[in-house]
């Protein structure tokens, strides 16, 4: 085995190999036209957007959520008082009710286009650390909270 102490031949060999890569077009390295002009890109057919009709919402069925699931916004406000948060996005709506024991998020969707939104899903968490809590327990606790402006003397049904 022969060890090369210096490698001046490597760059020269690479240069010779590159010089031989003329591309087969006469060695000049220029691009020649084939005589045919480039074609114009064809236009794609643009279809108007189709109106998508949303499927009916899935309705949560759990023990202890009766009276909340299926309720309208007005019925929920009568049960729990004014919501802390009311978010409308498209035809969906989220009402958030909160008190010391928990926070209840109620999601409402219309059962059919043009109809009033109804509660279809609820989620509950502790107000202190946002850990998940039992939905039915949170609903019961919020129903026992005093109505606003009553100084705790009257509770909602």
Protein backbone atom coordinates (compact mmCIF):
# COMPACT_ATOMS: atom_id res chain seq x y z
CA UNK A 1 0.00 0.00 0.00
CA UNK A 2 1.35 3.40 -0.99
CA UNK A 3 0.66 6.41 1.21
CA UNK A 4 0.61 9.82 -0.41
CA UNK A 5 2.20 12.48 1.73
CA UNK A 6 0.72 15.37 -0.21
CA UNK A 7 -2.33 15.35 -2.39
CA UNK A 8 -1.87 17.97 -5.10
CA UNK A 9 -3.14 15.49 -7.68
CA UNK A 10 -6.67 15.27 -6.18
CA UNK A 11 -7.78 18.82 -7.14
CA UNK A 12 -6.24 18.42 -10.59
CA UNK A 13 -8.06 15.13 -11.11
CA UNK A 14 -11.38 16.71 -10.06
CA UNK A 15 -10.80 19.63 -12.43
CA UNK A 16 -10.11 17.26 -15.32
CA UNK A 17 -13.29 15.31 -14.61
CA UNK A 18 -15.39 18.49 -14.51
CA UNK A 19 -13.92 19.75 -17.78
CA UNK A 20 -15.00 16.56 -19.50
CA UNK A 21 -18.65 17.08 -18.46
CA UNK A 22 -19.63 19.35 -21.31
CA UNK A 23 -23.14 17.92 -21.52
CA UNK A 24 -22.79 16.55 -25.07
CA UNK A 25 -23.97 19.74 -26.80
CA UNK A 26 -20.81 20.49 -28.67
CA UNK A 27 -18.77 21.27 -25.58
CA UNK A 28 -19.62 24.97 -25.47
CA UNK A 29 -21.87 24.67 -22.43
CA UNK A 30 -24.60 26.84 -23.97
CA UNK A 31 -28.25 25.87 -24.17
CA UNK A 32 -29.73 25.74 -27.64
CA UNK A 33 -33.39 26.13 -28.52
CA UNK A 34 -35.27 23.24 -30.06
CA UNK A 35 -37.33 25.64 -32.16
CA UNK A 36 -40.68 25.01 -30.43
CA UNK A 37 -41.99 27.82 -28.24
CA UNK A 38 -42.97 27.00 -24.66
CA UNK A 39 -46.64 26.24 -24.18
CA UNK A 40 -48.91 28.47 -22.11
CA UNK A 41 -50.00 26.97 -18.81
CA UNK A 42 -53.58 25.80 -18.94
CA UNK A 43 -56.09 27.41 -16.59
CA UNK A 44 -57.65 25.16 -14.00
CA UNK A 45 -61.41 25.09 -13.77
CA UNK A 46 -62.45 26.85 -10.57
CA UNK A 47 -65.65 25.56 -9.05
CA UNK A 48 -67.69 27.73 -6.72
CA UNK A 49 -67.54 26.59 -3.09
CA UNK A 50 -70.31 24.25 -2.08
CA UNK A 51 -72.34 25.11 0.97
CA UNK A 52 -71.76 22.49 3.63
CA UNK A 53 -74.66 21.68 5.91
CA UNK A 54 -73.38 20.65 9.31
CA UNK A 55 -74.67 17.38 10.71
CA UNK A 56 -76.84 17.56 13.81
CA UNK A 57 -74.75 17.96 16.98
CA UNK A 58 -73.92 14.98 19.14
CA UNK A 59 -75.66 15.26 22.48
CA UNK A 60 -73.86 14.26 25.67
CA UNK A 61 -75.72 11.76 27.80
CA UNK A 62 -74.40 11.42 31.34
CA UNK A 63 -76.14 10.96 34.67
CA UNK A 64 -76.72 14.24 36.49
CA UNK A 65 -76.73 16.56 33.47
CA UNK A 66 -80.51 16.47 32.97
CA UNK A 67 -81.96 19.95 32.86
CA UNK A 68 -78.73 21.30 31.41
CA UNK A 69 -78.37 19.21 28.25
CA UNK A 70 -81.07 20.37 25.85
CA UNK A 71 -81.55 23.71 27.65
CA UNK A 72 -81.59 27.01 25.75
CA UNK A 73 -79.39 29.95 26.80
CA UNK A 74 -82.35 31.57 28.60
CA UNK A 75 -83.07 28.40 30.56
CA UNK A 76 -79.41 28.08 31.59
CA UNK A 77 -79.33 31.70 32.78
CA UNK A 78 -82.46 31.07 34.86
CA UNK A 79 -80.75 28.04 36.45
CA UNK A 80 -77.28 29.48 37.09
CA UNK A 81 -77.55 33.27 36.78
CA UNK A 82 -75.56 35.44 34.39
CA UNK A 83 -72.69 33.60 32.71
CA UNK A 84 -69.14 34.73 33.45
CA UNK A 85 -68.29 34.19 29.79
CA UNK A 86 -70.46 34.14 26.66
CA UNK A 87 -68.62 33.26 23.43
CA UNK A 88 -70.33 33.07 20.04
CA UNK A 89 -68.50 31.45 17.10
CA UNK A 90 -70.54 30.83 13.98
CA UNK A 91 -73.66 29.01 15.09
CA UNK A 92 -71.92 27.58 18.18
CA UNK A 93 -72.02 29.23 21.59
CA UNK A 94 -70.22 28.64 24.89
CA UNK A 95 -71.57 29.84 28.22
CA UNK A 96 -69.33 29.63 31.29
CA UNK A 97 -70.77 29.67 34.79
CA UNK A 98 -68.46 29.88 37.79
CA UNK A 99 -68.51 29.97 41.57
CA UNK A 100 -66.06 29.05 44.32
CA UNK A 101 -66.47 25.27 43.94
CA UNK A 102 -66.19 24.92 40.17
CA UNK A 103 -66.38 26.27 36.63
CA UNK A 104 -68.97 24.85 34.25
CA UNK A 105 -68.57 25.25 30.48
CA UNK A 106 -71.77 24.63 28.52
CA UNK A 107 -71.54 24.25 24.74
CA UNK A 108 -74.64 25.02 22.69
CA UNK A 109 -75.42 24.22 19.06
CA UNK A 110 -78.66 24.61 17.08
CA UNK A 111 -80.38 21.24 16.53
CA UNK A 112 -81.13 22.31 12.94
CA UNK A 113 -80.28 25.34 10.79
CA UNK A 114 -82.22 28.42 11.88
CA UNK A 115 -83.24 26.99 15.27
CA UNK A 116 -82.23 28.29 18.70
CA UNK A 117 -79.05 26.79 20.15
CA UNK A 118 -79.38 24.14 22.85
CA UNK A 119 -76.84 22.76 25.30
CA UNK A 120 -75.26 19.61 23.90
CA UNK A 121 -72.11 19.20 26.02
CA UNK A 122 -70.87 20.29 29.46
CA UNK A 123 -67.43 20.26 30.99
CA UNK A 124 -66.54 20.99 34.63
CA UNK A 125 -63.35 21.79 36.53
CA UNK A 126 -62.29 23.13 39.91
CA UNK A 127 -62.05 26.90 40.05
CA UNK A 128 -58.86 26.74 42.14
CA UNK A 129 -56.60 24.57 39.97
CA UNK A 130 -58.60 23.64 36.83
CA UNK A 131 -58.58 19.92 37.66
CA UNK A 132 -61.51 18.01 36.18
CA UNK A 133 -64.46 17.45 38.51
CA UNK A 134 -67.68 15.48 38.24
CA UNK A 135 -70.09 17.38 36.00
CA UNK A 136 -73.21 16.48 38.00
CA UNK A 137 -71.58 17.60 41.27
CA UNK A 138 -70.58 20.93 39.73
CA UNK A 139 -74.08 21.47 38.29
CA UNK A 140 -75.64 20.79 41.70
CA UNK A 141 -73.16 23.12 43.45
CA UNK A 142 -73.82 25.96 41.00
CA UNK A 143 -77.58 25.55 41.40
CA UNK A 144 -77.19 25.97 45.19
CA UNK A 145 -75.30 29.26 44.81
CA UNK A 146 -77.27 32.34 45.91
CA UNK A 147 -78.90 34.36 43.17
CA UNK A 148 -77.11 37.64 42.42
CA UNK A 149 -78.17 40.53 44.68
CA UNK A 150 -79.81 38.36 47.37
CA UNK A 151 -76.93 38.37 49.92
CA UNK A 152 -77.17 34.59 50.14
CA UNK A 153 -80.70 34.50 51.58
CA UNK A 154 -82.39 32.91 48.55
CA UNK A 155 -81.20 30.10 46.34
CA UNK A 156 -82.31 29.26 42.84
CA UNK A 157 -84.43 26.12 42.37
